[in-house]
Amino acid sequence: MQQMEPKNKNFLTPKQLEDEFGISISKQNKMRMQKNQNSTNSLPFIKIG
């Protein structure tokens, strides 16, 4: 599968977020879950594509 980079630099891919901030992809998935969306530790996201 080809890796796509966002054209808009305001967005990061999960891999870029892991590289920049050290948050593993599995931890990101947990932070994006519906049950966490109202907590202070939630991770906002937009699905593109």
PDB file of N, CA and C in Angstrom:
ATOM      1  N   MET A   1       0.845  -1.189   0.000  1.00  0.00           N
ATOM      2  CA  MET A   1       0.000   0.000   0.000  1.00  0.00           C
ATOM      3  C   MET A   1       0.887   1.248   0.000  1.00  0.00           C
ATOM      4  N   GLN A   2       0.560   2.186  -0.842  1.00  0.00           N
ATOM      5  CA  GLN A   2       1.348   3.401  -0.966  1.00  0.00           C
ATOM      6  C   GLN A   2       1.075   4.339   0.202  1.00  0.00           C
ATOM      7  N   GLN A   3       2.137   4.892   0.765  1.00  0.00           N
ATOM      8  CA  GLN A   3       2.008   5.849   1.865  1.00  0.00           C
ATOM      9  C   GLN A   3       1.692   7.219   1.285  1.00  0.00           C
ATOM     10  N   MET A   4       0.614   7.837   1.757  1.00  0.00           N
ATOM     11  CA  MET A   4       0.227   9.157   1.268  1.00  0.00           C
ATOM     12  C   MET A   4       0.557  10.204   2.324  1.00  0.00           C
ATOM     13  N   GLU A   5       1.058  11.321   1.889  1.00  0.00           N
ATOM     14  CA  GLU A   5       1.351  12.442   2.768  1.00  0.00           C
ATOM     15  C   GLU A   5       0.272  13.506   2.569  1.00  0.00           C
ATOM     16  N   PRO A   6      -0.227  14.106   3.651  1.00  0.00           N
ATOM     17  CA  PRO A   6      -1.229  15.159   3.484  1.00  0.00           C
ATOM     18  C   PRO A   6      -0.618  16.376   2.785  1.00  0.00           C
ATOM     19  N   LYS A   7      -1.369  16.944   1.867  1.00  0.00           N
ATOM     20  CA  LYS A   7      -0.891  18.140   1.165  1.00  0.00           C
ATOM     21  C   LYS A   7      -0.990  19.368   2.062  1.00  0.00           C
ATOM     22  N   ASN A   8      -1.946  19.352   2.969  1.00  0.00           N
ATOM     23  CA  ASN A   8      -2.122  20.450   3.907  1.00  0.00           C
ATOM     24  C   ASN A   8      -1.213  20.205   5.106  1.00  0.00           C
ATOM     25  N   LYS A   9      -0.298  21.091   5.355  1.00  0.00           N
ATOM     26  CA  LYS A   9       0.672  20.916   6.437  1.00  0.00           C
ATOM     27  C   LYS A   9       0.061  21.108   7.829  1.00  0.00           C
ATOM     28  N   ASN A  10      -1.235  21.469   7.896  1.00  0.00           N
ATOM     29  CA  ASN A  10      -1.909  21.587   9.186  1.00  0.00           C
ATOM     30  C   ASN A  10      -2.321  20.230   9.739  1.00  0.00           C
ATOM     31  N   PHE A  11      -2.177  19.163   8.947  1.00  0.00           N
ATOM     32  CA  PHE A  11      -2.571  17.820   9.353  1.00  0.00           C
ATOM     33  C   PHE A  11      -1.351  16.922   9.420  1.00  0.00           C
ATOM     34  N   LEU A  12      -1.387  15.960  10.325  1.00  0.00           N
ATOM     35  CA  LEU A  12      -0.337  14.955  10.448  1.00  0.00           C
ATOM     36  C   LEU A  12      -0.944  13.577  10.265  1.00  0.00           C
ATOM     37  N   THR A  13      -0.201  12.683   9.640  1.00  0.00           N
ATOM     38  CA  THR A  13      -0.622  11.289   9.586  1.00  0.00           C
ATOM     39  C   THR A  13      -0.330  10.668  10.951  1.00  0.00           C
ATOM     40  N   PRO A  14      -0.960   9.541  11.276  1.00  0.00           N
ATOM     41  CA  PRO A  14      -0.637   8.879  12.547  1.00  0.00           C
ATOM     42  C   PRO A  14       0.860   8.583  12.684  1.00  0.00           C
ATOM     43  N   LYS A  15       1.521   8.207  11.600  1.00  0.00           N
ATOM     44  CA  LYS A  15       2.962   7.926  11.649  1.00  0.00           C
ATOM     45  C   LYS A  15       3.751   9.196  11.939  1.00  0.00           C
ATOM     46  N   GLN A  16       3.368  10.315  11.318  1.00  0.00           N
ATOM     47  CA  GLN A  16       4.049  11.585  11.572  1.00  0.00           C
ATOM     48  C   GLN A  16       3.856  12.017  13.024  1.00  0.00           C
ATOM     49  N   LEU A  17       2.655  11.818  13.558  1.00  0.00           N
ATOM     50  CA  LEU A  17       2.381  12.166  14.951  1.00  0.00           C
ATOM     51  C   LEU A  17       3.248  11.324  15.884  1.00  0.00           C
ATOM     52  N   GLU A  18       3.397  10.050  15.554  1.00  0.00           N
ATOM     53  CA  GLU A  18       4.250   9.166  16.353  1.00  0.00           C
ATOM     54  C   GLU A  18       5.704   9.635  16.303  1.00  0.00           C
ATOM     55  N   ASP A  19       6.187   9.982  15.127  1.00  0.00           N
ATOM     56  CA  ASP A  19       7.569  10.437  14.975  1.00  0.00           C
ATOM     57  C   ASP A  19       7.819  11.762  15.691  1.00  0.00           C
ATOM     58  N   GLU A  20       6.873  12.691  15.603  1.00  0.00           N
ATOM     59  CA  GLU A  20       7.059  14.029  16.173  1.00  0.00           C
ATOM     60  C   GLU A  20       6.883  14.076  17.691  1.00  0.00           C
ATOM     61  N   PHE A  21       5.880  13.342  18.197  1.00  0.00           N
ATOM     62  CA  PHE A  21       5.524  13.471  19.604  1.00  0.00           C
ATOM     63  C   PHE A  21       5.722  12.198  20.421  1.00  0.00           C
ATOM     64  N   GLY A  22       6.072  11.100  19.769  1.00  0.00           N
ATOM     65  CA  GLY A  22       6.338   9.858  20.482  1.00  0.00           C
ATOM     66  C   GLY A  22       5.102   9.144  20.995  1.00  0.00           C
ATOM     67  N   ILE A  23       3.933   9.456  20.438  1.00  0.00           N
ATOM     68  CA  ILE A  23       2.690   8.787  20.844  1.00  0.00           C
ATOM     69  C   ILE A  23       2.468   7.627  19.883  1.00  0.00           C
ATOM     70  N   SER A  24       2.488   6.401  20.403  1.00  0.00           N
ATOM     71  CA  SER A  24       2.350   5.231  19.532  1.00  0.00           C
ATOM     72  C   SER A  24       0.998   5.245  18.817  1.00  0.00           C
ATOM     73  N   ILE A  25       0.945   4.554  17.692  1.00  0.00           N
ATOM     74  CA  ILE A  25      -0.282   4.514  16.896  1.00  0.00           C
ATOM     75  C   ILE A  25      -1.400   3.842  17.682  1.00  0.00           C
ATOM     76  N   SER A  26      -1.087   2.802  18.448  1.00  0.00           N
ATOM     77  CA  SER A  26      -2.128   2.150  19.254  1.00  0.00           C
ATOM     78  C   SER A  26      -2.656   3.094  20.334  1.00  0.00           C
ATOM     79  N   LYS A  27      -1.785   3.910  20.925  1.00  0.00           N
ATOM     80  CA  LYS A  27      -2.221   4.903  21.921  1.00  0.00           C
ATOM     81  C   LYS A  27      -3.078   5.979  21.250  1.00  0.00           C
ATOM     82  N   GLN A  28      -2.714   6.377  20.030  1.00  0.00           N
ATOM     83  CA  GLN A  28      -3.517   7.352  19.289  1.00  0.00           C
ATOM     84  C   GLN A  28      -4.917   6.809  19.041  1.00  0.00           C
ATOM     85  N   ASN A  29      -5.006   5.526  18.656  1.00  0.00           N
ATOM     86  CA  ASN A  29      -6.311   4.905  18.420  1.00  0.00           C
ATOM     87  C   ASN A  29      -7.169   4.971  19.673  1.00  0.00           C
ATOM     88  N   LYS A  30      -6.573   4.671  20.813  1.00  0.00           N
ATOM     89  CA  LYS A  30      -7.313   4.711  22.074  1.00  0.00           C
ATOM     90  C   LYS A  30      -7.767   6.139  22.388  1.00  0.00           C
ATOM     91  N   MET A  31      -6.907   7.116  22.133  1.00  0.00           N
ATOM     92  CA  MET A  31      -7.237   8.508  22.425  1.00  0.00           C
ATOM     93  C   MET A  31      -8.332   9.043  21.507  1.00  0.00           C
ATOM     94  N   ARG A  32      -8.510   8.442  20.317  1.00  0.00           N
ATOM     95  CA  ARG A  32      -9.543   8.890  19.380  1.00  0.00           C
ATOM     96  C   ARG A  32     -10.885   8.209  19.603  1.00  0.00           C
ATOM     97  N   MET A  33     -10.957   7.216  20.466  1.00  0.00           N
ATOM     98  CA  MET A  33     -12.204   6.463  20.660  1.00  0.00           C
ATOM     99  C   MET A  33     -13.338   7.383  21.114  1.00  0.00           C
ATOM    100  N   GLN A  34     -14.549   7.019  20.730  1.00  0.00           N
ATOM    101  CA  GLN A  34     -15.736   7.817  21.040  1.00  0.00           C
ATOM    102  C   GLN A  34     -15.862   8.090  22.537  1.00  0.00           C
ATOM    103  N   LYS A  35     -15.579   7.088  23.364  1.00  0.00           N
ATOM    104  CA  LYS A  35     -15.756   7.270  24.807  1.00  0.00           C
ATOM    105  C   LYS A  35     -14.793   8.298  25.389  1.00  0.00           C
ATOM    106  N   ASN A  36     -13.727   8.628  24.678  1.00  0.00           N
ATOM    107  CA  ASN A  36     -12.748   9.587  25.175  1.00  0.00           C
ATOM    108  C   ASN A  36     -12.927  10.990  24.600  1.00  0.00           C
ATOM    109  N   GLN A  37     -13.897  11.201  23.734  1.00  0.00           N
ATOM    110  CA  GLN A  37     -14.005  12.475  23.034  1.00  0.00           C
ATOM    111  C   GLN A  37     -14.343  13.655  23.940  1.00  0.00           C
ATOM    112  N   ASN A  38     -14.876  13.404  25.111  1.00  0.00           N
ATOM    113  CA  ASN A  38     -15.194  14.509  26.016  1.00  0.00           C
ATOM    114  C   ASN A  38     -14.176  14.664  27.132  1.00  0.00           C
ATOM    115  N   SER A  39     -13.123  13.859  27.124  1.00  0.00           N
ATOM    116  CA  SER A  39     -12.120  13.954  28.182  1.00  0.00           C
ATOM    117  C   SER A  39     -11.035  14.955  27.789  1.00  0.00           C
ATOM    118  N   THR A  40     -10.235  15.345  28.759  1.00  0.00           N
ATOM    119  CA  THR A  40      -9.161  16.302  28.495  1.00  0.00           C
ATOM    120  C   THR A  40      -8.018  15.677  27.716  1.00  0.00           C
ATOM    121  N   ASN A  41      -7.943  14.346  27.683  1.00  0.00           N
ATOM    122  CA  ASN A  41      -6.870  13.662  26.964  1.00  0.00           C
ATOM    123  C   ASN A  41      -7.296  13.170  25.593  1.00  0.00           C
ATOM    124  N   SER A  42      -8.411  13.651  25.073  1.00  0.00           N
ATOM    125  CA  SER A  42      -8.886  13.182  23.770  1.00  0.00           C
ATOM    126  C   SER A  42      -7.984  13.716  22.659  1.00  0.00           C
ATOM    127  N   LEU A  43      -7.964  12.992  21.556  1.00  0.00           N
ATOM    128  CA  LEU A  43      -7.161  13.368  20.399  1.00  0.00           C
ATOM    129  C   LEU A  43      -8.113  13.689  19.253  1.00  0.00           C
ATOM    130  N   PRO A  44      -8.264  14.970  18.893  1.00  0.00           N
ATOM    131  CA  PRO A  44      -9.173  15.304  17.798  1.00  0.00           C
ATOM    132  C   PRO A  44      -8.629  14.770  16.481  1.00  0.00           C
ATOM    133  N   PHE A  45      -9.530  14.398  15.591  1.00  0.00           N
ATOM    134  CA  PHE A  45      -9.095  13.876  14.304  1.00  0.00           C
ATOM    135  C   PHE A  45     -10.136  14.137  13.242  1.00  0.00           C
ATOM    136  N   ILE A  46      -9.673  14.121  12.006  1.00  0.00           N
ATOM    137  CA  ILE A  46     -10.528  14.244  10.833  1.00  0.00           C
ATOM    138  C   ILE A  46     -10.109  13.133   9.888  1.00  0.00           C
ATOM    139  N   LYS A  47     -11.073  12.343   9.424  1.00  0.00           N
ATOM    140  CA  LYS A  47     -10.763  11.289   8.463  1.00  0.00           C
ATOM    141  C   LYS A  47     -10.789  11.896   7.067  1.00  0.00           C
ATOM    142  N   ILE A  48      -9.669  11.816   6.385  1.00  0.00           N
ATOM    143  CA  ILE A  48      -9.541  12.365   5.037  1.00  0.00           C
ATOM    144  C   ILE A  48      -9.372  11.206   4.071  1.00  0.00           C
ATOM    145  N   GLY A  49     -10.213  11.163   3.061  1.00  0.00           N
ATOM    146  CA  GLY A  49     -10.065  10.133   2.035  1.00  0.00           C
ATOM    147  C   GLY A  49     -10.989   8.977   2.167  1.00  0.00           C
TER     148      GLY A  49
END
